[in-house]
Amino acid sequence: MPAVARGARVLTIAALLGVLAACSAPPSGVPTGTQIGSAPNASAALPPAPTSTFPGLACDALVPDAEVASFLGAAAAPQPLTVDDAPVLQDGGTVCAWADEAAGTSLTVRLVGEGVDHWATFNHWYEHTDWSASVGEINGTMCSDGACSVHALDGERFIEVDAAGVDDPNGTRTEELARTALAAAPVPAPTAPPSSSAPTSRSCATALPVDTAAAHLGAAATGASYVSTATPSYHLVQDSLQRVGGLDCRLLSADSRELVRFTVLPGGAWVLREDSPVGAVDATGSEHSAHARRGDDWVRLQAPGASEETTRALLAELLG
């Protein structure tokens, strides 16, 4: 599922959305590669997949097949979810994706409850401090380079719609699809918070100290430091990860090269289950991707350019 650009800002007031006022890169396909780390085979030993706040909501009910065909073309087909969307599922959300790979068009809809908090974070990134915190009819629509993103809050439901390759320069069609999805979505049901049997470090430098990483990476890590993966834009995947107490960290060299990137998803070891709703946990491209269970948590680490041995060693340090 291709990434969605968010460079330009087109803010519209959409009365039909009925939204409140107060964002992963969106998931991409996960190619096959080398798996590193512990991936238990016994699904029974792993925590169950999270419970959705929209139980029983099917993607074809959220956005009917006819709407998808009208939006993307008749050849569009449902796409499997990947581990990139695991934080949204851990947050009790629902994710649906469609694409026509030949035409280069795609659509991803992410829906979560607890929407007021997500809307507040969305506003924080765009500094819309002049917007009311009461019930209103405002949404954020951003289009750039053939892609559009719509964020909206309706009652307790927060929706993120990402579209790419569609002729929709002002986001009007993407907004209409968001209206369709919101109209089909039920009121969210309460869910229990995610479990985690291992403490989650709320600091990148605490989880994997720079000096510890540098000892394995050598001279390349001289002057390295952590930076936030968050950019001046909003992504629901990133916000959900923060909400469930997770970490997404990048260690950069002095010349801004990425040396290490790791994710900690509390209670997320269910991604390793054979019946997991997300795709297989594989390597990304030609780089080693180390992943492991840490209690009930799921940990993934990548070290671009590093050897498999170094990647394993860094993972071991992260696991403590």
C-alpha atoms as a PDB file:
ATOM      1  CA  MET A   1       0.000   0.000   0.000  1.00  0.00           C
ATOM      2  CA  PRO A   2       1.731   3.139  -1.157  1.00  0.00           C
ATOM      3  CA  ALA A   3       2.582   6.013   1.113  1.00  0.00           C
ATOM      4  CA  VAL A   4       0.402   9.112   1.048  1.00  0.00           C
ATOM      5  CA  ALA A   5       1.994  12.520   0.633  1.00  0.00           C
ATOM      6  CA  ARG A   6       0.862  15.235   2.945  1.00  0.00           C
ATOM      7  CA  GLY A   7       2.793  18.282   1.770  1.00  0.00           C
ATOM      8  CA  ALA A   8       0.027  20.692   0.834  1.00  0.00           C
ATOM      9  CA  ARG A   9      -2.784  21.605   3.154  1.00  0.00           C
ATOM     10  CA  VAL A  10      -6.327  22.053   2.036  1.00  0.00           C
ATOM     11  CA  LEU A  11      -8.568  22.511   5.026  1.00  0.00           C
ATOM     12  CA  THR A  12     -12.261  22.263   4.361  1.00  0.00           C
ATOM     13  CA  ILE A  13     -15.393  22.477   6.465  1.00  0.00           C
ATOM     14  CA  ALA A  14     -17.610  19.503   5.669  1.00  0.00           C
ATOM     15  CA  ALA A  15     -21.041  19.782   7.224  1.00  0.00           C
ATOM     16  CA  LEU A  16     -22.014  16.316   6.052  1.00  0.00           C
ATOM     17  CA  LEU A  17     -19.173  14.649   7.929  1.00  0.00           C
ATOM     18  CA  GLY A  18     -20.533  15.666  11.339  1.00  0.00           C
ATOM     19  CA  VAL A  19     -17.122  15.718  13.004  1.00  0.00           C
ATOM     20  CA  LEU A  20     -15.625  17.091  16.197  1.00  0.00           C
ATOM     21  CA  ALA A  21     -12.844  19.675  16.284  1.00  0.00           C
ATOM     22  CA  ALA A  22     -10.102  20.150  18.862  1.00  0.00           C
ATOM     23  CA  CYS A  23      -1.222  10.245  11.899  1.00  0.00           C
ATOM     24  CA  SER A  24       3.106   5.525   9.151  1.00  0.00           C
ATOM     25  CA  ALA A  25       3.774   5.680   7.067  1.00  0.00           C
ATOM     26  CA  PRO A  26       0.697   4.038   5.771  1.00  0.00           C
ATOM     27  CA  PRO A  27       1.338   0.327   5.480  1.00  0.00           C
ATOM     28  CA  SER A  28       3.255  -1.077   2.558  1.00  0.00           C
ATOM     29  CA  GLY A  29       3.475  -4.660   1.381  1.00  0.00           C
ATOM     30  CA  VAL A  30       5.977  -6.700   3.343  1.00  0.00           C
ATOM     31  CA  PRO A  31       8.318  -8.605   1.008  1.00  0.00           C
ATOM     32  CA  THR A  32       9.771 -11.973   1.868  1.00  0.00           C
ATOM     33  CA  GLY A  33      13.176 -11.928   3.504  1.00  0.00           C
ATOM     34  CA  THR A  34      15.328 -13.259   6.296  1.00  0.00           C
ATOM     35  CA  GLN A  35      13.642 -13.600   9.665  1.00  0.00           C
ATOM     36  CA  ILE A  36      15.741 -13.021  12.743  1.00  0.00           C
ATOM     37  CA  GLY A  37      14.719 -13.419  16.338  1.00  0.00           C
ATOM     38  CA  SER A  38      12.242 -15.595  18.174  1.00  0.00           C
ATOM     39  CA  ALA A  39       8.956 -16.269  16.412  1.00  0.00           C
ATOM     40  CA  PRO A  40       7.195 -18.978  18.438  1.00  0.00           C
ATOM     41  CA  ASN A  41       5.232 -21.505  16.386  1.00  0.00           C
ATOM     42  CA  ALA A  42       2.641 -22.278  19.051  1.00  0.00           C
ATOM     43  CA  SER A  43      -0.106 -19.713  18.618  1.00  0.00           C
ATOM     44  CA  ALA A  44      -1.719 -20.907  21.838  1.00  0.00           C
ATOM     45  CA  ALA A  45       1.293 -19.597  23.770  1.00  0.00           C
ATOM     46  CA  LEU A  46       0.883 -16.123  22.322  1.00  0.00           C
ATOM     47  CA  PRO A  47      -1.594 -13.456  23.437  1.00  0.00           C
ATOM     48  CA  PRO A  48      -4.800 -13.315  21.400  1.00  0.00           C
ATOM     49  CA  ALA A  49      -5.310 -10.703  18.724  1.00  0.00           C
ATOM     50  CA  PRO A  50      -6.794  -7.463  20.100  1.00  0.00           C
ATOM     51  CA  THR A  51     -10.529  -6.961  20.242  1.00  0.00           C
ATOM     52  CA  SER A  52     -11.902  -4.375  17.874  1.00  0.00           C
ATOM     53  CA  THR A  53     -14.095  -1.579  19.188  1.00  0.00           C
ATOM     54  CA  PHE A  54     -16.177  -2.283  16.081  1.00  0.00           C
ATOM     55  CA  PRO A  55     -16.802  -6.039  16.449  1.00  0.00           C
ATOM     56  CA  GLY A  56     -18.097  -7.761  13.351  1.00  0.00           C
ATOM     57  CA  LEU A  57     -17.574  -4.742  11.102  1.00  0.00           C
ATOM     58  CA  ALA A  58     -16.559  -6.148   7.715  1.00  0.00           C
ATOM     59  CA  CYS A  59     -14.652  -4.087   5.178  1.00  0.00           C
ATOM     60  CA  ASP A  60     -17.303  -4.588   2.513  1.00  0.00           C
ATOM     61  CA  ALA A  61     -19.837  -3.178   4.956  1.00  0.00           C
ATOM     62  CA  LEU A  62     -17.638  -0.205   5.815  1.00  0.00           C
ATOM     63  CA  VAL A  63     -17.086   0.621   2.141  1.00  0.00           C
ATOM     64  CA  PRO A  64     -19.300  -1.382  -0.229  1.00  0.00           C
ATOM     65  CA  ASP A  65     -17.695  -3.072  -3.228  1.00  0.00           C
ATOM     66  CA  ALA A  66     -19.559  -0.749  -5.583  1.00  0.00           C
ATOM     67  CA  GLU A  67     -18.097   2.301  -3.835  1.00  0.00           C
ATOM     68  CA  VAL A  68     -14.574   0.868  -4.074  1.00  0.00           C
ATOM     69  CA  ALA A  69     -15.039   0.111  -7.784  1.00  0.00           C
ATOM     70  CA  SER A  70     -16.358   3.604  -8.409  1.00  0.00           C
ATOM     71  CA  PHE A  71     -13.436   5.141  -6.546  1.00  0.00           C
ATOM     72  CA  LEU A  72     -10.517   2.962  -7.715  1.00  0.00           C
ATOM     73  CA  GLY A  73     -11.851   1.105 -10.732  1.00  0.00           C
ATOM     74  CA  ALA A  74     -13.429  -2.291 -11.277  1.00  0.00           C
ATOM     75  CA  ALA A  75     -10.093  -4.139 -10.993  1.00  0.00           C
ATOM     76  CA  ALA A  76      -9.470  -2.962  -7.414  1.00  0.00           C
ATOM     77  CA  ALA A  77      -9.220  -5.779  -4.874  1.00  0.00           C
ATOM     78  CA  PRO A  78      -8.964  -6.053  -1.070  1.00  0.00           C
ATOM     79  CA  GLN A  79      -5.388  -6.032   0.213  1.00  0.00           C
ATOM     80  CA  PRO A  80      -4.007  -8.073   3.141  1.00  0.00           C
ATOM     81  CA  LEU A  81      -2.963  -6.099   6.198  1.00  0.00           C
ATOM     82  CA  THR A  82       0.660  -5.997   7.306  1.00  0.00           C
ATOM     83  CA  VAL A  83       2.319  -5.610  10.678  1.00  0.00           C
ATOM     84  CA  ASP A  84       2.692  -1.901   9.945  1.00  0.00           C
ATOM     85  CA  ASP A  85      -0.963  -1.507  10.926  1.00  0.00           C
ATOM     86  CA  ALA A  86      -0.644  -3.594  14.104  1.00  0.00           C
ATOM     87  CA  PRO A  87      -0.679  -0.513  16.393  1.00  0.00           C
ATOM     88  CA  VAL A  88      -4.072   0.538  15.016  1.00  0.00           C
ATOM     89  CA  LEU A  89      -5.482  -2.937  15.686  1.00  0.00           C
ATOM     90  CA  GLN A  90      -3.891  -2.898  19.146  1.00  0.00           C
ATOM     91  CA  ASP A  91      -5.695   0.397  19.680  1.00  0.00           C
ATOM     92  CA  GLY A  92      -8.990  -1.379  18.996  1.00  0.00           C
ATOM     93  CA  GLY A  93      -9.249  -0.063  15.477  1.00  0.00           C
ATOM     94  CA  THR A  94     -10.338  -1.505  12.147  1.00  0.00           C
ATOM     95  CA  VAL A  95      -8.233  -1.271   8.980  1.00  0.00           C
ATOM     96  CA  CYS A  96      -9.411  -1.939   5.426  1.00  0.00           C
ATOM     97  CA  ALA A  97      -7.361  -1.597   2.261  1.00  0.00           C
ATOM     98  CA  TRP A  98      -7.939  -1.948  -1.472  1.00  0.00           C
ATOM     99  CA  ALA A  99      -5.712  -1.427  -4.504  1.00  0.00           C
ATOM    100  CA  ASP A 100      -5.466  -1.792  -8.247  1.00  0.00           C
ATOM    101  CA  GLU A 101      -1.759  -2.462  -8.593  1.00  0.00           C
ATOM    102  CA  ALA A 102      -1.807  -2.256 -12.392  1.00  0.00           C
ATOM    103  CA  ALA A 103      -3.411   1.175 -12.310  1.00  0.00           C
ATOM    104  CA  GLY A 104      -1.389   2.358  -9.308  1.00  0.00           C
ATOM    105  CA  THR A 105      -4.451   3.309  -7.279  1.00  0.00           C
ATOM    106  CA  SER A 106      -5.042   2.495  -3.634  1.00  0.00           C
ATOM    107  CA  LEU A 107      -7.362   3.217  -0.747  1.00  0.00           C
ATOM    108  CA  THR A 108      -6.866   2.606   2.967  1.00  0.00           C
ATOM    109  CA  VAL A 109      -9.458   3.313   5.653  1.00  0.00           C
ATOM    110  CA  ARG A 110      -8.508   3.230   9.334  1.00  0.00           C
ATOM    111  CA  LEU A 111     -11.210   3.634  11.962  1.00  0.00           C
ATOM    112  CA  VAL A 112     -10.754   3.856  15.732  1.00  0.00           C
ATOM    113  CA  GLY A 113     -12.762   4.686  18.817  1.00  0.00           C
ATOM    114  CA  GLU A 114     -11.469   7.058  21.521  1.00  0.00           C
ATOM    115  CA  GLY A 115     -11.532   9.514  18.658  1.00  0.00           C
ATOM    116  CA  VAL A 116     -11.414  12.726  20.667  1.00  0.00           C
ATOM    117  CA  ASP A 117      -7.827  11.990  21.701  1.00  0.00           C
ATOM    118  CA  HIS A 118      -6.763  11.212  18.125  1.00  0.00           C
ATOM    119  CA  TRP A 119      -8.419  14.385  16.846  1.00  0.00           C
ATOM    120  CA  ALA A 120      -6.642  16.454  19.485  1.00  0.00           C
ATOM    121  CA  THR A 121      -3.302  15.005  18.398  1.00  0.00           C
ATOM    122  CA  PHE A 122      -4.111  15.665  14.755  1.00  0.00           C
ATOM    123  CA  ASN A 123      -4.817  19.277  15.601  1.00  0.00           C
ATOM    124  CA  HIS A 124      -1.622  19.508  17.632  1.00  0.00           C
ATOM    125  CA  TRP A 125       0.521  18.548  14.645  1.00  0.00           C
ATOM    126  CA  TYR A 126      -1.133  21.146  12.440  1.00  0.00           C
ATOM    127  CA  GLU A 127      -1.418  23.760  15.183  1.00  0.00           C
ATOM    128  CA  HIS A 128      -5.100  24.349  14.594  1.00  0.00           C
ATOM    129  CA  THR A 129      -5.455  25.970  17.984  1.00  0.00           C
ATOM    130  CA  ASP A 130      -8.260  28.214  16.760  1.00  0.00           C
ATOM    131  CA  TRP A 131     -10.580  25.278  16.228  1.00  0.00           C
ATOM    132  CA  SER A 132     -13.310  24.601  18.752  1.00  0.00           C
ATOM    133  CA  ALA A 133     -13.008  21.682  21.161  1.00  0.00           C
ATOM    134  CA  SER A 134     -16.779  21.178  21.136  1.00  0.00           C
ATOM    135  CA  VAL A 135     -18.909  19.143  18.746  1.00  0.00           C
ATOM    136  CA  GLY A 136     -18.619  20.676  15.292  1.00  0.00           C
ATOM    137  CA  GLU A 137     -18.393  19.972  11.589  1.00  0.00           C
ATOM    138  CA  ILE A 138     -14.730  20.308  10.754  1.00  0.00           C
ATOM    139  CA  ASN A 139     -12.325  17.880   9.140  1.00  0.00           C
ATOM    140  CA  GLY A 140      -8.782  18.026   7.815  1.00  0.00           C
ATOM    141  CA  THR A 141      -8.163  17.259   4.145  1.00  0.00           C
ATOM    142  CA  MET A 142      -4.702  17.292   2.581  1.00  0.00           C
ATOM    143  CA  CYS A 143      -3.855  16.580  -1.059  1.00  0.00           C
ATOM    144  CA  SER A 144      -0.515  16.577  -2.846  1.00  0.00           C
ATOM    145  CA  ASP A 145       1.186  14.773  -5.739  1.00  0.00           C
ATOM    146  CA  GLY A 146      -1.802  12.653  -6.688  1.00  0.00           C
ATOM    147  CA  ALA A 147      -2.638  11.562  -3.146  1.00  0.00           C
ATOM    148  CA  CYS A 148      -5.203  12.704  -0.599  1.00  0.00           C
ATOM    149  CA  SER A 149      -5.677  12.139   3.103  1.00  0.00           C
ATOM    150  CA  VAL A 150      -8.822  12.884   5.091  1.00  0.00           C
ATOM    151  CA  HIS A 151      -9.076  12.890   8.898  1.00  0.00           C
ATOM    152  CA  ALA A 152     -12.383  13.342  10.642  1.00  0.00           C
ATOM    153  CA  LEU A 153     -14.050  12.856  13.993  1.00  0.00           C
ATOM    154  CA  ASP A 154     -17.679  11.875  14.298  1.00  0.00           C
ATOM    155  CA  GLY A 155     -18.831  11.405  17.869  1.00  0.00           C
ATOM    156  CA  GLU A 156     -16.359   8.916  19.352  1.00  0.00           C
ATOM    157  CA  ARG A 157     -15.197   7.635  15.965  1.00  0.00           C
ATOM    158  CA  PHE A 158     -12.034   8.917  14.303  1.00  0.00           C
ATOM    159  CA  ILE A 159     -11.367   8.043  10.686  1.00  0.00           C
ATOM    160  CA  GLU A 160      -8.286   8.310   8.474  1.00  0.00           C
ATOM    161  CA  VAL A 161      -8.737   7.801   4.739  1.00  0.00           C
ATOM    162  CA  ASP A 162      -5.656   7.646   2.500  1.00  0.00           C
ATOM    163  CA  ALA A 163      -6.049   7.534  -1.270  1.00  0.00           C
ATOM    164  CA  ALA A 164      -3.394   7.502  -3.976  1.00  0.00           C
ATOM    165  CA  GLY A 165      -3.430   7.567  -7.757  1.00  0.00           C
ATOM    166  CA  VAL A 166      -6.984   8.897  -7.869  1.00  0.00           C
ATOM    167  CA  ASP A 167      -8.057  11.977  -9.825  1.00  0.00           C
ATOM    168  CA  ASP A 168      -9.146  14.011  -6.804  1.00  0.00           C
ATOM    169  CA  PRO A 169      -7.071  17.226  -6.620  1.00  0.00           C
ATOM    170  CA  ASN A 170      -9.189  18.842  -3.920  1.00  0.00           C
ATOM    171  CA  GLY A 171     -10.029  15.712  -1.957  1.00  0.00           C
ATOM    172  CA  THR A 172     -13.758  15.974  -2.672  1.00  0.00           C
ATOM    173  CA  ARG A 173     -14.130  12.311  -3.659  1.00  0.00           C
ATOM    174  CA  THR A 174     -12.010  11.149  -0.734  1.00  0.00           C
ATOM    175  CA  GLU A 175     -14.183  13.158   1.638  1.00  0.00           C
ATOM    176  CA  GLU A 176     -17.319  11.604   0.174  1.00  0.00           C
ATOM    177  CA  LEU A 177     -15.894   8.136   0.727  1.00  0.00           C
ATOM    178  CA  ALA A 178     -15.106   9.091   4.323  1.00  0.00           C
ATOM    179  CA  ARG A 179     -18.744  10.095   4.743  1.00  0.00           C
ATOM    180  CA  THR A 180     -19.830   6.709   3.397  1.00  0.00           C
ATOM    181  CA  ALA A 181     -17.572   4.861   5.834  1.00  0.00           C
ATOM    182  CA  LEU A 182     -18.665   6.934   8.819  1.00  0.00           C
ATOM    183  CA  ALA A 183     -22.310   6.360   7.970  1.00  0.00           C
ATOM    184  CA  ALA A 184     -21.692   2.589   7.973  1.00  0.00           C
ATOM    185  CA  ALA A 185     -19.598   2.469  11.137  1.00  0.00           C
ATOM    186  CA  PRO A 186     -21.353   1.573  14.411  1.00  0.00           C
ATOM    187  CA  VAL A 187     -20.830   3.262  17.749  1.00  0.00           C
ATOM    188  CA  PRO A 188     -17.553   1.889  19.190  1.00  0.00           C
ATOM    189  CA  ALA A 189     -17.802  -0.635  21.984  1.00  0.00           C
ATOM    190  CA  PRO A 190     -15.559  -0.283  25.054  1.00  0.00           C
ATOM    191  CA  THR A 191     -12.487  -2.511  25.107  1.00  0.00           C
ATOM    192  CA  ALA A 192      -9.984  -3.505  27.766  1.00  0.00           C
ATOM    193  CA  PRO A 193      -6.539  -1.883  27.585  1.00  0.00           C
ATOM    194  CA  PRO A 194      -3.810  -4.005  25.933  1.00  0.00           C
ATOM    195  CA  SER A 195      -1.885  -6.364  28.199  1.00  0.00           C
ATOM    196  CA  SER A 196       1.861  -6.314  28.583  1.00  0.00           C
ATOM    197  CA  SER A 197       3.872  -8.644  30.774  1.00  0.00           C
ATOM    198  CA  ALA A 198       7.131  -6.729  30.283  1.00  0.00           C
ATOM    199  CA  PRO A 199       7.830  -3.101  31.167  1.00  0.00           C
ATOM    200  CA  THR A 200       7.915  -0.757  28.183  1.00  0.00           C
ATOM    201  CA  SER A 201      10.614   1.907  28.155  1.00  0.00           C
ATOM    202  CA  ARG A 202       9.084   5.258  27.298  1.00  0.00           C
ATOM    203  CA  SER A 203      12.436   6.597  26.157  1.00  0.00           C
ATOM    204  CA  CYS A 204      14.411   5.459  23.113  1.00  0.00           C
ATOM    205  CA  ALA A 205      17.697   6.141  24.875  1.00  0.00           C
ATOM    206  CA  THR A 206      16.580   4.087  27.873  1.00  0.00           C
ATOM    207  CA  ALA A 207      15.385   1.160  25.761  1.00  0.00           C
ATOM    208  CA  LEU A 208      18.661   1.037  23.773  1.00  0.00           C
ATOM    209  CA  PRO A 209      21.320   3.471  25.042  1.00  0.00           C
ATOM    210  CA  VAL A 210      23.336   5.227  22.354  1.00  0.00           C
ATOM    211  CA  ASP A 211      26.619   4.013  23.854  1.00  0.00           C
ATOM    212  CA  THR A 212      25.367   0.429  23.822  1.00  0.00           C
ATOM    213  CA  ALA A 213      24.354   0.650  20.174  1.00  0.00           C
ATOM    214  CA  ALA A 214      27.634   2.363  19.269  1.00  0.00           C
ATOM    215  CA  ALA A 215      29.607  -0.495  20.827  1.00  0.00           C
ATOM    216  CA  HIS A 216      28.079  -2.817  18.237  1.00  0.00           C
ATOM    217  CA  LEU A 217      28.003  -0.417  15.296  1.00  0.00           C
ATOM    218  CA  GLY A 218      31.536   0.903  15.603  1.00  0.00           C
ATOM    219  CA  ALA A 219      32.857   4.155  14.168  1.00  0.00           C
ATOM    220  CA  ALA A 220      29.705   4.743  12.125  1.00  0.00           C
ATOM    221  CA  ALA A 221      27.870   5.567  15.363  1.00  0.00           C
ATOM    222  CA  THR A 222      30.257   8.322  16.444  1.00  0.00           C
ATOM    223  CA  GLY A 223      28.140  11.317  17.360  1.00  0.00           C
ATOM    224  CA  ALA A 224      24.879   9.387  16.871  1.00  0.00           C
ATOM    225  CA  SER A 225      21.672  10.512  18.532  1.00  0.00           C
ATOM    226  CA  TYR A 226      17.985   9.645  18.616  1.00  0.00           C
ATOM    227  CA  VAL A 227      15.377  11.638  16.750  1.00  0.00           C
ATOM    228  CA  SER A 228      11.632  11.288  16.816  1.00  0.00           C
ATOM    229  CA  THR A 229      10.117   9.394  13.891  1.00  0.00           C
ATOM    230  CA  ALA A 230       7.245  11.849  14.035  1.00  0.00           C
ATOM    231  CA  THR A 231       7.292  14.464  11.291  1.00  0.00           C
ATOM    232  CA  PRO A 232       5.218  17.651  11.025  1.00  0.00           C
ATOM    233  CA  SER A 233       2.268  15.574   9.892  1.00  0.00           C
ATOM    234  CA  TYR A 234      -0.170  13.182  11.450  1.00  0.00           C
ATOM    235  CA  HIS A 235      -0.353   9.411  10.948  1.00  0.00           C
ATOM    236  CA  LEU A 236      -2.896   7.317  12.810  1.00  0.00           C
ATOM    237  CA  VAL A 237      -0.508   4.348  13.009  1.00  0.00           C
ATOM    238  CA  GLN A 238       2.035   6.486  14.835  1.00  0.00           C
ATOM    239  CA  ASP A 239      -0.563   7.992  17.138  1.00  0.00           C
ATOM    240  CA  SER A 240      -2.029   4.579  17.998  1.00  0.00           C
ATOM    241  CA  LEU A 241       1.433   3.275  18.842  1.00  0.00           C
ATOM    242  CA  GLN A 242       1.910   6.161  21.235  1.00  0.00           C
ATOM    243  CA  ARG A 243      -1.530   5.639  22.763  1.00  0.00           C
ATOM    244  CA  VAL A 244      -0.843   1.979  23.599  1.00  0.00           C
ATOM    245  CA  GLY A 245       2.479   2.903  25.211  1.00  0.00           C
ATOM    246  CA  GLY A 246       4.783   1.848  22.379  1.00  0.00           C
ATOM    247  CA  LEU A 247       7.991   3.219  20.941  1.00  0.00           C
ATOM    248  CA  ASP A 248       9.182   3.910  17.396  1.00  0.00           C
ATOM    249  CA  CYS A 249      12.782   5.107  17.500  1.00  0.00           C
ATOM    250  CA  ARG A 250      15.479   6.068  15.008  1.00  0.00           C
ATOM    251  CA  LEU A 251      19.167   6.370  15.832  1.00  0.00           C
ATOM    252  CA  LEU A 252      20.870   8.680  13.333  1.00  0.00           C
ATOM    253  CA  SER A 253      24.545   9.191  12.648  1.00  0.00           C
ATOM    254  CA  ALA A 254      26.178  12.596  12.814  1.00  0.00           C
ATOM    255  CA  ASP A 255      25.530  12.994   9.063  1.00  0.00           C
ATOM    256  CA  SER A 256      21.848  12.008   9.476  1.00  0.00           C
ATOM    257  CA  ARG A 257      22.078   8.408   8.220  1.00  0.00           C
ATOM    258  CA  GLU A 258      19.711   5.970   9.888  1.00  0.00           C
ATOM    259  CA  LEU A 259      21.749   3.445  11.878  1.00  0.00           C
ATOM    260  CA  VAL A 260      19.040   1.696  13.874  1.00  0.00           C
ATOM    261  CA  ARG A 261      15.273   1.788  13.930  1.00  0.00           C
ATOM    262  CA  PHE A 262      13.191  -0.170  16.403  1.00  0.00           C
ATOM    263  CA  THR A 263       9.555  -0.533  17.376  1.00  0.00           C
ATOM    264  CA  VAL A 264       8.121  -1.817  20.636  1.00  0.00           C
ATOM    265  CA  LEU A 265       4.422  -2.734  20.590  1.00  0.00           C
ATOM    266  CA  PRO A 266       3.178  -3.488  24.124  1.00  0.00           C
ATOM    267  CA  GLY A 267       0.972  -6.574  24.203  1.00  0.00           C
ATOM    268  CA  GLY A 268       1.638  -7.002  20.477  1.00  0.00           C
ATOM    269  CA  ALA A 269       3.202 -10.489  20.384  1.00  0.00           C
ATOM    270  CA  TRP A 270      -0.053 -11.662  18.784  1.00  0.00           C
ATOM    271  CA  VAL A 271       1.412 -10.510  15.448  1.00  0.00           C
ATOM    272  CA  LEU A 272       3.473 -13.735  15.527  1.00  0.00           C
ATOM    273  CA  ARG A 273       0.392 -15.961  15.690  1.00  0.00           C
ATOM    274  CA  GLU A 274      -0.393 -18.200  12.725  1.00  0.00           C
ATOM    275  CA  ASP A 275      -3.953 -16.826  12.757  1.00  0.00           C
ATOM    276  CA  SER A 276      -2.860 -13.205  13.099  1.00  0.00           C
ATOM    277  CA  PRO A 277      -5.004 -10.699  11.156  1.00  0.00           C
ATOM    278  CA  VAL A 278      -1.811  -9.100   9.828  1.00  0.00           C
ATOM    279  CA  GLY A 279       0.668 -10.455   7.304  1.00  0.00           C
ATOM    280  CA  ALA A 280       3.796 -12.440   7.996  1.00  0.00           C
ATOM    281  CA  VAL A 281       6.601 -10.811   9.948  1.00  0.00           C
ATOM    282  CA  ASP A 282       9.365 -10.749   7.356  1.00  0.00           C
ATOM    283  CA  ALA A 283      12.442  -8.720   6.547  1.00  0.00           C
ATOM    284  CA  THR A 284      12.043  -5.391   4.789  1.00  0.00           C
ATOM    285  CA  GLY A 285      13.790  -5.346   1.435  1.00  0.00           C
ATOM    286  CA  SER A 286      17.376  -6.525   1.535  1.00  0.00           C
ATOM    287  CA  GLU A 287      18.001  -5.334   5.071  1.00  0.00           C
ATOM    288  CA  HIS A 288      17.849  -7.619   8.088  1.00  0.00           C
ATOM    289  CA  SER A 289      14.755  -7.137  10.217  1.00  0.00           C
ATOM    290  CA  ALA A 290      15.054  -8.634  13.688  1.00  0.00           C
ATOM    291  CA  HIS A 291      11.875  -9.343  15.562  1.00  0.00           C
ATOM    292  CA  ALA A 292      11.098 -11.134  18.787  1.00  0.00           C
ATOM    293  CA  ARG A 293       8.623 -11.664  21.556  1.00  0.00           C
ATOM    294  CA  ARG A 294       9.386  -9.925  24.835  1.00  0.00           C
ATOM    295  CA  GLY A 295       6.831 -11.279  27.248  1.00  0.00           C
ATOM    296  CA  ASP A 296       3.532 -10.300  25.663  1.00  0.00           C
ATOM    297  CA  ASP A 297       5.204  -7.482  23.712  1.00  0.00           C
ATOM    298  CA  TRP A 298       6.456  -7.519  20.121  1.00  0.00           C
ATOM    299  CA  VAL A 299       9.783  -5.921  19.243  1.00  0.00           C
ATOM    300  CA  ARG A 300      11.173  -5.207  15.770  1.00  0.00           C
ATOM    301  CA  LEU A 301      14.617  -3.820  15.000  1.00  0.00           C
ATOM    302  CA  GLN A 302      16.302  -2.858  11.742  1.00  0.00           C
ATOM    303  CA  ALA A 303      19.895  -1.751  11.274  1.00  0.00           C
ATOM    304  CA  PRO A 304      20.433  -0.638   7.655  1.00  0.00           C
ATOM    305  CA  GLY A 305      23.823  -1.757   6.389  1.00  0.00           C
ATOM    306  CA  ALA A 306      24.634  -3.798   9.493  1.00  0.00           C
ATOM    307  CA  SER A 307      25.388  -7.498   9.383  1.00  0.00           C
ATOM    308  CA  GLU A 308      22.946 -10.143  10.564  1.00  0.00           C
ATOM    309  CA  GLU A 309      25.210 -10.786  13.563  1.00  0.00           C
ATOM    310  CA  THR A 310      25.188  -7.124  14.554  1.00  0.00           C
ATOM    311  CA  THR A 311      21.433  -6.930  14.103  1.00  0.00           C
ATOM    312  CA  ARG A 312      20.966  -9.947  16.385  1.00  0.00           C
ATOM    313  CA  ALA A 313      23.262  -8.389  18.981  1.00  0.00           C
ATOM    314  CA  LEU A 314      21.345  -5.100  18.932  1.00  0.00           C
ATOM    315  CA  LEU A 315      18.071  -6.967  19.310  1.00  0.00           C
ATOM    316  CA  ALA A 316      19.467  -8.839  22.308  1.00  0.00           C
ATOM    317  CA  GLU A 317      20.419  -5.520  23.912  1.00  0.00           C
ATOM    318  CA  LEU A 318      16.938  -4.146  23.254  1.00  0.00           C
ATOM    319  CA  LEU A 319      15.329  -7.206  24.796  1.00  0.00           C
ATOM    320  CA  GLY A 320      17.491  -6.759  27.893  1.00  0.00           C
END
